[in-house]
C-alpha atoms as a PDB file:
ATOM      1  CA  MET A   1     -36.638  55.347  -5.193  1.00  0.00           C
ATOM      2  CA  GLU A   2     -35.824  51.899  -3.816  1.00  0.00           C
ATOM      3  CA  THR A   3     -38.214  49.881  -1.649  1.00  0.00           C
ATOM      4  CA  ASP A   4     -36.982  46.718   0.075  1.00  0.00           C
ATOM      5  CA  LEU A   5     -39.316  43.892   1.071  1.00  0.00           C
ATOM      6  CA  PHE A   6     -37.865  41.108   3.208  1.00  0.00           C
ATOM      7  CA  PHE A   7     -40.115  38.037   3.139  1.00  0.00           C
ATOM      8  CA  ILE A   8     -39.510  35.803   6.151  1.00  0.00           C
ATOM      9  CA  ARG A   9     -41.121  32.465   6.870  1.00  0.00           C
ATOM     10  CA  HIS A  10     -42.016  31.656  10.482  1.00  0.00           C
ATOM     11  CA  GLY A  11     -40.006  29.206  12.587  1.00  0.00           C
ATOM     12  CA  GLU A  12     -40.695  25.502  12.823  1.00  0.00           C
ATOM     13  CA  THR A  13     -43.832  24.056  14.420  1.00  0.00           C
ATOM     14  CA  GLU A  14     -44.572  20.485  15.468  1.00  0.00           C
ATOM     15  CA  TRP A  15     -46.971  20.209  12.535  1.00  0.00           C
ATOM     16  CA  ASN A  16     -44.189  21.277  10.138  1.00  0.00           C
ATOM     17  CA  LYS A  17     -42.003  18.574  11.630  1.00  0.00           C
ATOM     18  CA  LYS A  18     -44.710  15.930  11.224  1.00  0.00           C
ATOM     19  CA  LEU A  19     -45.718  17.094   7.698  1.00  0.00           C
ATOM     20  CA  ILE A  20     -49.247  17.927   8.831  1.00  0.00           C
ATOM     21  CA  TYR A  21     -51.297  20.449   6.836  1.00  0.00           C
ATOM     22  CA  GLN A  22     -51.523  23.571   9.025  1.00  0.00           C
ATOM     23  CA  GLY A  23     -53.209  26.130   6.792  1.00  0.00           C
ATOM     24  CA  GLN A  24     -54.936  28.668   9.018  1.00  0.00           C
ATOM     25  CA  THR A  25     -54.981  26.514  12.161  1.00  0.00           C
ATOM     26  CA  ASP A  26     -53.274  28.604  14.845  1.00  0.00           C
ATOM     27  CA  ILE A  27     -50.271  26.456  15.776  1.00  0.00           C
ATOM     28  CA  ASP A  28     -47.410  27.948  17.817  1.00  0.00           C
ATOM     29  CA  LEU A  29     -43.683  27.469  17.255  1.00  0.00           C
ATOM     30  CA  ASN A  30     -41.974  24.478  18.816  1.00  0.00           C
ATOM     31  CA  GLU A  31     -38.678  24.669  20.705  1.00  0.00           C
ATOM     32  CA  THR A  32     -36.680  24.505  17.476  1.00  0.00           C
ATOM     33  CA  GLY A  33     -38.862  27.234  15.964  1.00  0.00           C
ATOM     34  CA  TYR A  34     -38.181  29.619  18.846  1.00  0.00           C
ATOM     35  CA  ARG A  35     -34.449  28.909  18.585  1.00  0.00           C
ATOM     36  CA  GLN A  36     -34.561  29.578  14.828  1.00  0.00           C
ATOM     37  CA  ALA A  37     -36.396  32.875  15.439  1.00  0.00           C
ATOM     38  CA  LYS A  38     -33.738  33.973  17.933  1.00  0.00           C
ATOM     39  CA  LEU A  39     -30.934  33.220  15.447  1.00  0.00           C
ATOM     40  CA  LEU A  40     -32.845  35.104  12.758  1.00  0.00           C
ATOM     41  CA  SER A  41     -33.282  38.070  15.104  1.00  0.00           C
ATOM     42  CA  GLU A  42     -29.534  38.138  15.795  1.00  0.00           C
ATOM     43  CA  ARG A  43     -28.825  38.153  12.052  1.00  0.00           C
ATOM     44  CA  LEU A  44     -31.172  41.094  11.473  1.00  0.00           C
ATOM     45  CA  ALA A  45     -30.374  43.053  14.650  1.00  0.00           C
ATOM     46  CA  GLU A  46     -28.008  45.491  12.929  1.00  0.00           C
ATOM     47  CA  LYS A  47     -30.046  45.811   9.739  1.00  0.00           C
ATOM     48  CA  LYS A  48     -32.241  48.844   9.195  1.00  0.00           C
ATOM     49  CA  ILE A  49     -35.919  47.848   9.236  1.00  0.00           C
ATOM     50  CA  ASP A  50     -38.580  50.553   9.053  1.00  0.00           C
ATOM     51  CA  ARG A  51     -41.749  48.436   9.386  1.00  0.00           C
ATOM     52  CA  ILE A  52     -42.595  44.901  10.431  1.00  0.00           C
ATOM     53  CA  TYR A  53     -45.735  43.280   9.086  1.00  0.00           C
ATOM     54  CA  THR A  54     -46.862  39.826  10.132  1.00  0.00           C
ATOM     55  CA  SER A  55     -49.594  37.287   9.642  1.00  0.00           C
ATOM     56  CA  ASP A  56     -51.793  37.247  12.745  1.00  0.00           C
ATOM     57  CA  LEU A  57     -51.303  33.493  13.275  1.00  0.00           C
ATOM     58  CA  LYS A  58     -49.135  32.622  16.311  1.00  0.00           C
ATOM     59  CA  ARG A  59     -46.310  30.929  14.446  1.00  0.00           C
ATOM     60  CA  ALA A  60     -45.705  34.049  12.341  1.00  0.00           C
ATOM     61  CA  ALA A  61     -46.570  36.670  14.973  1.00  0.00           C
ATOM     62  CA  ASN A  62     -44.304  35.095  17.599  1.00  0.00           C
ATOM     63  CA  THR A  63     -41.451  34.875  15.093  1.00  0.00           C
ATOM     64  CA  ALA A  64     -42.074  38.533  14.238  1.00  0.00           C
ATOM     65  CA  ALA A  65     -42.077  39.591  17.904  1.00  0.00           C
ATOM     66  CA  ILE A  66     -38.601  38.100  18.367  1.00  0.00           C
ATOM     67  CA  VAL A  67     -37.335  39.779  15.185  1.00  0.00           C
ATOM     68  CA  ALA A  68     -38.863  43.121  16.207  1.00  0.00           C
ATOM     69  CA  LYS A  69     -37.344  43.294  19.696  1.00  0.00           C
ATOM     70  CA  PRO A  70     -33.885  44.713  18.791  1.00  0.00           C
ATOM     71  CA  HIS A  71     -35.539  47.283  16.516  1.00  0.00           C
ATOM     72  CA  ASN A  72     -38.139  48.435  19.054  1.00  0.00           C
ATOM     73  CA  LYS A  73     -40.802  48.254  16.342  1.00  0.00           C
ATOM     74  CA  LYS A  74     -44.515  47.689  16.770  1.00  0.00           C
ATOM     75  CA  LEU A  75     -45.892  44.736  14.811  1.00  0.00           C
ATOM     76  CA  ILE A  76     -48.534  45.390  12.177  1.00  0.00           C
ATOM     77  CA  LYS A  77     -50.738  42.289  11.991  1.00  0.00           C
ATOM     78  CA  GLU A  78     -52.518  41.469   8.738  1.00  0.00           C
ATOM     79  CA  GLU A  79     -55.004  38.609   8.446  1.00  0.00           C
ATOM     80  CA  ASN A  80     -54.541  38.551   4.668  1.00  0.00           C
ATOM     81  CA  LEU A  81     -50.918  37.426   5.106  1.00  0.00           C
ATOM     82  CA  ARG A  82     -52.191  34.089   6.462  1.00  0.00           C
ATOM     83  CA  GLU A  83     -51.353  30.769   4.842  1.00  0.00           C
ATOM     84  CA  ILE A  84     -53.814  29.230   2.383  1.00  0.00           C
ATOM     85  CA  SER A  85     -56.838  27.606   4.039  1.00  0.00           C
ATOM     86  CA  PHE A  86     -56.787  23.823   3.672  1.00  0.00           C
ATOM     87  CA  GLY A  87     -60.283  23.617   5.138  1.00  0.00           C
ATOM     88  CA  ASP A  88     -61.239  20.156   6.401  1.00  0.00           C
ATOM     89  CA  TRP A  89     -57.761  18.800   5.687  1.00  0.00           C
ATOM     90  CA  GLU A  90     -56.038  20.878   8.343  1.00  0.00           C
ATOM     91  CA  GLY A  91     -54.622  18.686  11.091  1.00  0.00           C
ATOM     92  CA  MET A  92     -54.063  15.723   8.748  1.00  0.00           C
ATOM     93  CA  ASN A  93     -50.996  14.509   6.863  1.00  0.00           C
ATOM     94  CA  PHE A  94     -50.755  13.399   3.212  1.00  0.00           C
ATOM     95  CA  THR A  95     -51.470   9.739   3.979  1.00  0.00           C
ATOM     96  CA  GLU A  96     -54.529  10.467   6.123  1.00  0.00           C
ATOM     97  CA  ILE A  97     -56.037  12.763   3.485  1.00  0.00           C
ATOM     98  CA  GLN A  98     -55.405  10.244   0.694  1.00  0.00           C
ATOM     99  CA  GLU A  99     -57.051   7.501   2.742  1.00  0.00           C
ATOM    100  CA  LYS A 100     -60.056   9.613   3.743  1.00  0.00           C
ATOM    101  CA  GLU A 101     -60.739  11.415   0.454  1.00  0.00           C
ATOM    102  CA  PRO A 102     -58.656   9.800  -2.310  1.00  0.00           C
ATOM    103  CA  GLU A 103     -60.587  11.183  -5.295  1.00  0.00           C
ATOM    104  CA  THR A 104     -60.853  14.747  -3.955  1.00  0.00           C
ATOM    105  CA  TYR A 105     -57.175  14.740  -3.032  1.00  0.00           C
ATOM    106  CA  LYS A 106     -56.222  13.404  -6.480  1.00  0.00           C
ATOM    107  CA  GLU A 107     -58.232  16.177  -8.184  1.00  0.00           C
ATOM    108  CA  TRP A 108     -56.687  18.825  -5.942  1.00  0.00           C
ATOM    109  CA  ARG A 109     -53.156  17.607  -6.603  1.00  0.00           C
ATOM    110  CA  LYS A 110     -53.910  17.670 -10.326  1.00  0.00           C
ATOM    111  CA  ASP A 111     -55.395  21.177 -10.295  1.00  0.00           C
ATOM    112  CA  PRO A 112     -54.844  23.106  -7.028  1.00  0.00           C
ATOM    113  CA  ILE A 113     -55.243  26.398  -8.893  1.00  0.00           C
ATOM    114  CA  SER A 114     -59.012  26.214  -9.328  1.00  0.00           C
ATOM    115  CA  THR A 115     -59.845  23.238  -7.064  1.00  0.00           C
ATOM    116  CA  SER A 116     -59.959  23.670  -3.289  1.00  0.00           C
ATOM    117  CA  PRO A 117     -59.878  21.248  -0.371  1.00  0.00           C
ATOM    118  CA  PRO A 118     -63.349  20.798   1.195  1.00  0.00           C
ATOM    119  CA  ASN A 119     -64.242  24.155   2.839  1.00  0.00           C
ATOM    120  CA  GLY A 120     -60.811  25.479   1.858  1.00  0.00           C
ATOM    121  CA  GLU A 121     -59.303  27.998  -0.547  1.00  0.00           C
ATOM    122  CA  THR A 122     -58.082  27.636  -4.140  1.00  0.00           C
ATOM    123  CA  PHE A 123     -54.527  28.672  -4.930  1.00  0.00           C
ATOM    124  CA  LEU A 124     -55.892  31.280  -7.335  1.00  0.00           C
ATOM    125  CA  ASP A 125     -57.995  32.969  -4.637  1.00  0.00           C
ATOM    126  CA  PHE A 126     -55.085  32.649  -2.216  1.00  0.00           C
ATOM    127  CA  GLN A 127     -52.667  34.341  -4.617  1.00  0.00           C
ATOM    128  CA  LYS A 128     -55.113  37.180  -5.316  1.00  0.00           C
ATOM    129  CA  ARG A 129     -55.449  37.789  -1.563  1.00  0.00           C
ATOM    130  CA  VAL A 130     -51.674  37.820  -1.056  1.00  0.00           C
ATOM    131  CA  ILE A 131     -50.932  40.051  -4.064  1.00  0.00           C
ATOM    132  CA  SER A 132     -53.508  42.560  -2.857  1.00  0.00           C
ATOM    133  CA  ILE A 133     -52.093  42.899   0.686  1.00  0.00           C
ATOM    134  CA  VAL A 134     -48.407  42.891  -0.332  1.00  0.00           C
ATOM    135  CA  ASN A 135     -49.020  45.518  -3.028  1.00  0.00           C
ATOM    136  CA  LYS A 136     -50.838  47.624  -0.441  1.00  0.00           C
ATOM    137  CA  ILE A 137     -47.847  47.331   1.928  1.00  0.00           C
ATOM    138  CA  LYS A 138     -45.442  48.192  -0.902  1.00  0.00           C
ATOM    139  CA  ASP A 139     -47.438  51.283  -1.912  1.00  0.00           C
ATOM    140  CA  LEU A 140     -47.813  52.502   1.680  1.00  0.00           C
ATOM    141  CA  HIS A 141     -44.077  52.292   2.378  1.00  0.00           C
ATOM    142  CA  THR A 142     -42.324  53.415  -0.796  1.00  0.00           C
ATOM    143  CA  GLY A 143     -38.626  54.003  -0.126  1.00  0.00           C
ATOM    144  CA  GLU A 144     -38.654  52.010   3.129  1.00  0.00           C
ATOM    145  CA  ARG A 145     -37.272  48.651   4.269  1.00  0.00           C
ATOM    146  CA  VAL A 146     -40.136  46.393   5.281  1.00  0.00           C
ATOM    147  CA  ALA A 147     -40.024  42.931   6.870  1.00  0.00           C
ATOM    148  CA  ILE A 148     -43.013  40.699   6.105  1.00  0.00           C
ATOM    149  CA  ILE A 149     -43.191  37.632   8.365  1.00  0.00           C
ATOM    150  CA  ALA A 150     -45.594  35.102   6.954  1.00  0.00           C
ATOM    151  CA  HIS A 151     -45.885  31.514   5.690  1.00  0.00           C
ATOM    152  CA  GLY A 152     -44.240  29.353   3.064  1.00  0.00           C
ATOM    153  CA  GLY A 153     -47.229  29.405   0.744  1.00  0.00           C
ATOM    154  CA  THR A 154     -47.791  33.131   1.166  1.00  0.00           C
ATOM    155  CA  ILE A 155     -44.218  33.898   0.153  1.00  0.00           C
ATOM    156  CA  ARG A 156     -44.138  31.410  -2.729  1.00  0.00           C
ATOM    157  CA  VAL A 157     -47.291  32.624  -4.457  1.00  0.00           C
ATOM    158  CA  TYR A 158     -46.203  36.273  -4.292  1.00  0.00           C
ATOM    159  CA  LEU A 159     -42.719  35.532  -5.614  1.00  0.00           C
ATOM    160  CA  ALA A 160     -44.222  33.391  -8.392  1.00  0.00           C
ATOM    161  CA  HIS A 161     -46.316  36.420  -9.367  1.00  0.00           C
ATOM    162  CA  ILE A 162     -43.328  38.786  -9.322  1.00  0.00           C
ATOM    163  CA  LEU A 163     -41.191  36.371 -11.341  1.00  0.00           C
ATOM    164  CA  GLY A 164     -43.917  35.903 -13.950  1.00  0.00           C
ATOM    165  CA  MET A 165     -44.201  32.187 -13.206  1.00  0.00           C
ATOM    166  CA  ASP A 166     -47.260  30.064 -13.794  1.00  0.00           C
ATOM    167  CA  LEU A 167     -48.965  29.725 -10.404  1.00  0.00           C
ATOM    168  CA  LYS A 168     -48.318  25.953 -10.410  1.00  0.00           C
ATOM    169  CA  GLY A 169     -44.634  26.858 -10.488  1.00  0.00           C
ATOM    170  CA  ASN A 170     -44.789  28.188  -6.926  1.00  0.00           C
ATOM    171  CA  ARG A 171     -44.100  24.637  -5.749  1.00  0.00           C
ATOM    172  CA  LYS A 172     -40.668  24.842  -7.393  1.00  0.00           C
ATOM    173  CA  LEU A 173     -39.652  27.609  -4.972  1.00  0.00           C
ATOM    174  CA  SER A 174     -38.150  26.411  -1.699  1.00  0.00           C
ATOM    175  CA  VAL A 175     -38.930  28.544   1.372  1.00  0.00           C
ATOM    176  CA  HIS A 176     -37.549  27.083   4.607  1.00  0.00           C
ATOM    177  CA  ASN A 177     -38.440  28.017   8.187  1.00  0.00           C
ATOM    178  CA  THR A 178     -37.046  31.486   9.108  1.00  0.00           C
ATOM    179  CA  SER A 179     -35.584  31.897   5.616  1.00  0.00           C
ATOM    180  CA  ILE A 180     -35.178  35.396   4.191  1.00  0.00           C
ATOM    181  CA  SER A 181     -36.086  36.317   0.613  1.00  0.00           C
ATOM    182  CA  HIS A 182     -35.268  39.892  -0.404  1.00  0.00           C
ATOM    183  CA  LEU A 183     -37.185  41.766  -3.086  1.00  0.00           C
ATOM    184  CA  ARG A 184     -35.932  45.218  -4.085  1.00  0.00           C
ATOM    185  CA  ILE A 185     -38.236  47.466  -6.080  1.00  0.00           C
ATOM    186  CA  TYR A 186     -36.619  50.148  -8.244  1.00  0.00           C
ATOM    187  CA  ASP A 187     -39.317  52.648  -9.294  1.00  0.00           C
ATOM    188  CA  ASN A 188     -41.890  49.835  -9.620  1.00  0.00           C
ATOM    189  CA  ARG A 189     -39.385  47.399 -11.174  1.00  0.00           C
ATOM    190  CA  PRO A 190     -38.996  44.397  -8.829  1.00  0.00           C
ATOM    191  CA  VAL A 191     -35.717  42.459  -8.617  1.00  0.00           C
ATOM    192  CA  LEU A 192     -35.303  39.336  -6.479  1.00  0.00           C
ATOM    193  CA  LYS A 193     -31.979  39.831  -4.687  1.00  0.00           C
ATOM    194  CA  LEU A 194     -32.068  36.851  -2.325  1.00  0.00           C
ATOM    195  CA  LEU A 195     -34.100  33.646  -2.078  1.00  0.00           C
ATOM    196  CA  ASN A 196     -34.513  31.266   0.876  1.00  0.00           C
ATOM    197  CA  SER A 197     -31.408  32.393   2.790  1.00  0.00           C
ATOM    198  CA  THR A 198     -30.880  30.460   6.038  1.00  0.00           C
ATOM    199  CA  CYS A 199     -27.185  31.088   6.780  1.00  0.00           C
ATOM    200  CA  HIS A 200     -28.130  32.169  10.326  1.00  0.00           C
ATOM    201  CA  LEU A 201     -29.122  28.552  11.036  1.00  0.00           C
ATOM    202  CA  ASP A 202     -25.692  27.118  10.149  1.00  0.00           C
END
C-alpha cells in the first residue's frame, strides 16, 4: 500500500523577504506570497489530494486555503506543524540578534540541537514534535495522498529524519516558499521522490 505525503512550504512573507526570524509569530503572506500560493494551487488543481493538513499559523493556513479551493477540501489545522519557536529572537534579523546577545547567539549557532534561543525551542525538541505529528498523519491516512502545508524548518527536520541525516544536516536541505517535496511510503518504506520543486513559479 502506497501513501503519498506532499510537504509544501507557505508562500513568502515580508519577514522572509527581510530575513527576519519569524518562528511562531503569526505573520501573513505578502503580495508575492499570495501570488505564489495561487500558482501552486493551479499546479495542484488536477492532482488527486485526499486530505490537507496545515500549520495553524496564517502564512501556512492561508496558503493551504488557496491550495484547497479547487479540491473542495476542509483544512485540518495542527498546531504541532508550526515552525520552531525562536522565543525572544522573533522579529529580529541576524545582525540585531548578534548585536543584542552575541554570546548566546554564538552558542546557539554552534549547537542549535540542544541549545535554544531565550524562551525558545531546541532543534531536538522541535524535531521530536514534528516527527510525532507527521507520523500520526501518516498512520491515520495509509494509502491516501496527503498535502501538508507547513514551514521550512518543519519540512527540513522531518526529511532529515527520514533520510537518516544528522539533525544538523537539515540546514543542507533547501526548501523554498511554496516548494513541493514528495515522500512516498511503500509499506512503511519511505522514498523521497521530489525535493524543493518550484517549477510553478517559473
